[in-house]
Protein backbone atom coordinates (compact mmCIF):
# COMPACT_ATOMS: atom_id res chain seq x y z
CA ASP A 1 44.68 -27.10 -82.36
CA LEU A 2 46.93 -29.90 -81.05
CA GLY A 3 44.07 -31.98 -79.67
CA ILE A 4 45.11 -31.31 -76.06
CA ASP A 5 42.14 -31.11 -73.71
CA ARG A 6 43.80 -31.48 -70.30
CA PHE A 7 46.37 -29.35 -68.50
CA ILE A 8 47.74 -29.73 -64.96
CA HIS A 9 49.85 -26.84 -63.73
CA MET A 10 52.35 -26.81 -60.87
CA SER A 11 52.38 -23.53 -58.97
CA ALA A 12 53.33 -22.83 -55.33
CA LEU A 13 51.66 -22.00 -52.06
CA GLN A 14 51.19 -18.25 -51.56
CA ALA A 15 51.45 -17.50 -55.28
CA SER A 16 50.00 -14.04 -55.73
CA LYS A 17 50.39 -10.98 -57.93
CA SER A 18 51.07 -9.02 -54.74
CA ALA A 19 53.47 -11.57 -53.20
CA PRO A 20 56.73 -10.20 -51.73
CA SER A 21 59.01 -12.26 -54.01
CA GLN A 22 59.54 -12.43 -57.75
CA TYR A 23 59.31 -16.22 -57.49
CA LEU A 24 55.80 -16.19 -56.04
CA ARG A 25 54.65 -13.43 -58.40
CA SER A 26 55.94 -15.46 -61.36
CA LYS A 27 53.95 -18.45 -60.13
CA ALA A 28 50.83 -16.27 -60.04
CA ALA A 29 51.56 -15.09 -63.58
CA GLY A 30 51.81 -18.72 -64.67
CA GLU A 31 48.44 -19.48 -63.11
CA SER A 32 46.86 -16.54 -64.93
CA ALA A 33 48.35 -17.64 -68.24
CA VAL A 34 47.03 -21.20 -68.09
CA SER A 35 43.66 -20.12 -66.70
CA GLU A 36 43.00 -18.20 -69.92
CA PHE A 37 42.76 -21.56 -71.69
CA ASN A 38 40.70 -23.26 -68.99
CA LYS A 39 37.62 -23.95 -71.15
CA LYS A 40 39.71 -25.68 -73.81
CA LEU A 41 42.21 -27.44 -71.57
CA ASN A 42 40.26 -28.29 -68.38
CA VAL A 43 42.96 -26.79 -66.19
CA THR A 44 43.80 -27.99 -62.68
CA ILE A 45 46.31 -26.01 -60.63
CA PHE A 46 48.32 -27.41 -57.72
CA ARG A 47 50.00 -25.18 -55.14
CA PRO A 48 52.38 -27.25 -52.99
CA SER A 49 54.50 -26.22 -50.04
CA ILE A 50 58.12 -27.42 -50.16
CA ILE A 51 58.36 -30.91 -51.67
CA PHE A 52 60.62 -33.53 -50.13
CA GLY A 53 61.91 -36.84 -51.44
CA ARG A 54 65.08 -38.88 -51.88
CA HIS A 55 66.75 -36.43 -54.25
CA ASP A 56 65.20 -33.21 -52.98
CA SER A 57 67.11 -29.93 -52.92
CA PHE A 58 65.96 -28.97 -49.42
CA PHE A 59 66.72 -31.64 -46.83
CA ASN A 60 69.70 -33.03 -48.75
CA LEU A 61 71.17 -29.56 -49.10
CA PHE A 62 70.89 -28.74 -45.42
CA ALA A 63 72.11 -32.19 -44.41
CA ASN A 64 75.31 -31.55 -46.36
CA LEU A 65 75.72 -28.08 -44.87
CA ILE A 66 75.19 -29.35 -41.34
CA LYS A 67 77.94 -31.95 -41.80
CA PHE A 68 80.55 -29.29 -42.58
CA LEU A 69 79.48 -26.12 -40.79
CA PRO A 70 80.19 -25.73 -37.05
CA VAL A 71 77.41 -23.14 -36.68
CA ILE A 72 74.21 -22.69 -38.68
CA MET A 73 73.37 -19.06 -39.45
CA LEU A 74 69.70 -19.37 -40.31
CA ALA A 75 67.73 -16.79 -42.26
CA LYS A 76 64.08 -16.30 -41.28
CA PRO A 77 64.18 -19.06 -38.61
CA ASP A 78 60.49 -18.66 -37.75
CA ALA A 79 59.23 -18.97 -41.34
CA LYS A 80 56.73 -21.83 -41.55
CA PHE A 81 56.52 -24.69 -44.03
CA GLN A 82 54.19 -27.63 -44.54
CA PRO A 83 56.39 -30.15 -46.40
CA ILE A 84 54.69 -32.67 -48.66
CA TRP A 85 56.19 -35.90 -50.03
CA VAL A 86 56.91 -35.96 -53.76
CA GLU A 87 55.06 -39.28 -54.10
CA ASP A 88 51.93 -37.66 -52.67
CA VAL A 89 52.22 -34.78 -55.11
CA SER A 90 52.62 -37.13 -58.05
CA SER A 91 49.63 -39.17 -56.84
CA CYS A 92 47.55 -35.99 -56.80
CA PHE A 93 48.56 -35.34 -60.41
CA VAL A 94 47.74 -38.87 -61.54
CA ASN A 95 44.43 -39.07 -59.68
CA ALA A 96 43.32 -35.69 -60.99
CA LEU A 97 44.25 -36.34 -64.60
CA GLU A 98 41.03 -38.06 -65.68
CA ASN A 99 38.78 -36.88 -62.85
CA PRO A 100 36.29 -34.22 -64.05
CA ASP A 101 35.67 -33.19 -60.42
CA THR A 102 39.12 -31.58 -60.43
CA TYR A 103 38.63 -29.53 -63.59
CA SER A 104 38.86 -25.73 -63.22
CA LYS A 105 40.04 -26.04 -59.62
CA THR A 106 43.07 -24.90 -57.66
CA TYR A 107 44.34 -27.16 -54.88
CA GLU A 108 46.73 -26.25 -52.09
CA LEU A 109 49.00 -29.15 -51.15
CA GLY A 110 50.65 -29.58 -47.77
CA GLY A 111 51.69 -32.44 -45.54
CA PRO A 112 50.09 -33.31 -42.21
CA GLN A 113 52.50 -31.17 -40.15
CA VAL A 114 53.65 -27.55 -40.03
CA PHE A 115 57.25 -26.74 -39.02
CA THR A 116 59.29 -23.60 -38.60
CA PHE A 117 62.51 -23.36 -40.57
CA ARG A 118 64.43 -23.78 -37.31
CA GLU A 119 62.47 -26.94 -36.43
CA LEU A 120 63.22 -28.47 -39.82
CA ILE A 121 66.95 -27.86 -39.39
CA GLN A 122 66.81 -29.32 -35.89
CA LYS A 123 65.04 -32.36 -37.29
CA VAL A 124 67.79 -32.87 -39.87
CA MET A 125 70.39 -32.67 -37.10
CA SER A 126 68.51 -35.22 -35.05
CA ILE A 127 68.35 -37.60 -38.01
CA LEU A 128 72.07 -37.21 -38.68
CA GLY A 129 72.91 -37.60 -35.01
CA VAL A 130 74.78 -34.30 -34.81
CA SER A 131 74.32 -31.06 -32.92
CA ARG A 132 75.14 -27.58 -34.15
CA PRO A 133 74.31 -24.18 -32.67
CA ILE A 134 71.60 -22.43 -34.68
CA ILE A 135 71.77 -18.65 -34.79
CA GLY A 136 68.55 -17.17 -36.10
CA LEU A 137 69.13 -14.05 -38.16
CA SER A 138 67.04 -10.90 -38.06
CA ASP A 139 65.17 -9.82 -41.18
CA LYS A 140 67.93 -7.39 -42.16
CA LEU A 141 70.70 -9.93 -41.60
CA SER A 142 68.68 -12.60 -43.43
CA TYR A 143 68.46 -10.30 -46.44
CA LEU A 144 72.18 -9.55 -46.22
CA GLN A 145 72.98 -13.27 -46.06
CA GLY A 146 70.82 -13.88 -49.13
CA PHE A 147 72.66 -11.12 -50.99
CA ALA A 148 76.09 -12.51 -50.06
CA MET A 149 75.14 -16.05 -51.08
CA GLU A 150 74.15 -14.88 -54.56
CA PHE A 151 77.87 -14.59 -55.30
CA LEU A 152 78.65 -18.22 -54.44
CA PRO A 153 79.19 -20.75 -57.27
CA VAL A 154 76.24 -22.72 -55.90
CA LYS A 155 73.42 -20.43 -54.82
CA LEU A 156 72.30 -21.74 -51.45
CA MET A 157 70.07 -18.76 -50.75
CA SER A 158 69.06 -15.53 -52.46
CA ARG A 159 67.36 -12.29 -51.52
CA ASP A 160 64.28 -13.51 -53.35
CA ASN A 161 64.24 -16.68 -51.23
CA VAL A 162 64.24 -14.47 -48.15
CA ARG A 163 61.37 -12.43 -49.56
CA SER A 164 59.41 -15.62 -50.22
CA MET A 165 59.77 -16.59 -46.57
CA ARG A 166 57.99 -13.43 -45.46
CA VAL A 167 54.78 -15.40 -46.04
CA ASP A 168 54.37 -18.83 -44.48
CA SER A 169 54.24 -21.71 -46.95
CA VAL A 170 51.30 -23.38 -45.22
CA THR A 171 47.70 -24.15 -46.05
CA GLY A 172 44.65 -24.46 -43.85
CA GLN A 173 43.09 -26.88 -46.32
CA MET A 174 43.05 -30.64 -46.01
CA LEU A 175 43.80 -32.53 -49.22
CA ALA A 176 40.53 -32.72 -51.13
CA PRO A 177 38.88 -36.17 -51.04
CA GLU A 178 38.65 -36.34 -54.84
CA LEU A 179 42.46 -36.40 -54.97
CA GLY A 180 42.46 -39.70 -53.08
CA VAL A 181 45.67 -39.02 -51.16
CA SER A 182 46.45 -39.25 -47.45
CA PRO A 183 49.74 -37.34 -47.06
CA MET A 184 52.70 -39.16 -45.57
CA PRO A 185 54.32 -37.67 -42.45
CA LEU A 186 57.80 -36.29 -42.94
CA ASP A 187 59.20 -38.56 -40.21
CA ALA A 188 58.11 -41.64 -42.15
CA VAL A 189 60.22 -40.75 -45.18
CA VAL A 190 63.08 -38.30 -44.60
CA PRO A 191 65.09 -40.31 -42.03
CA GLU A 192 65.42 -43.20 -44.47
CA TYR A 193 67.17 -41.31 -47.23
CA LEU A 194 69.13 -38.89 -45.05
CA THR A 195 70.46 -41.66 -42.81
CA ASN A 196 71.55 -43.74 -45.79
CA ALA A 197 73.45 -40.71 -47.06
CA THR A 198 75.71 -40.66 -43.99
CA PRO A 199 78.73 -42.96 -43.47
CA ARG A 200 77.02 -44.49 -40.45
CA GLY A 201 73.83 -44.98 -42.43
CA ALA A 202 75.71 -46.60 -45.28
CA TYR A 203 77.40 -48.95 -42.81
CA ASP A 204 74.08 -49.80 -41.17
CA ALA A 205 72.57 -50.51 -44.57
CA PHE A 206 75.53 -52.78 -45.46
CA ARG A 207 75.30 -54.57 -42.12
CA SER A 208 71.56 -55.05 -42.56
CA ALA A 209 72.04 -56.45 -46.06
CA ALA A 210 74.78 -58.78 -44.83
CA GLY A 211 72.52 -60.02 -42.04
CA ARG A 212 69.75 -60.79 -44.50
CA ALA A 213 72.20 -62.67 -46.71
CA ILE A 214 73.40 -64.77 -43.76
CA ASN A 215 69.85 -65.55 -42.70
CA ALA A 216 68.95 -66.51 -46.25
CA LYS A 217 71.70 -69.15 -46.24
CA ARG A 218 70.39 -70.79 -43.09
């Protein structure tokens, strides 16, 4: 007995023993494992959709790809996501930690908007101020792309990722009031860090800082 009486577990939306991907099935297995100790640990489980933030591996990854690829070959373009800001997820964790109303509960976490994969890529392009043709791949070609990308030094996509996208990463639930969080819209956060990652954004940031410095001297 280590004297631990609280456990908060991070899972994923659509985690299920019968899910199409190993990733989602492993998340379900994790939920089952921690639930066995619920009475001792007062377990709370969170199931988020994709999480975005300044150093995320989703929007930053696709922003870099869009800069260098003339055409975007997109697997499962109609797959749906409900992105949630990392700060909102962390707030849910903190607010739940000492709140007995959250004990023995599972919460689905999603932002205020639902997007298709294609719409998210289009949004990144709009933020970067670039335009690229998007070719949506069929299910078979999506799977083939995932297989091919498994051989790259950096795995951008895998067959298991494609399987995960067979089920939409969305929730019909609003964030529970006991979590005390009003989720931030994607458009209020992502443009700031993606724009600053571009040469133009860096220049704009420098120009803005220089302007503030000049005004401060007046």
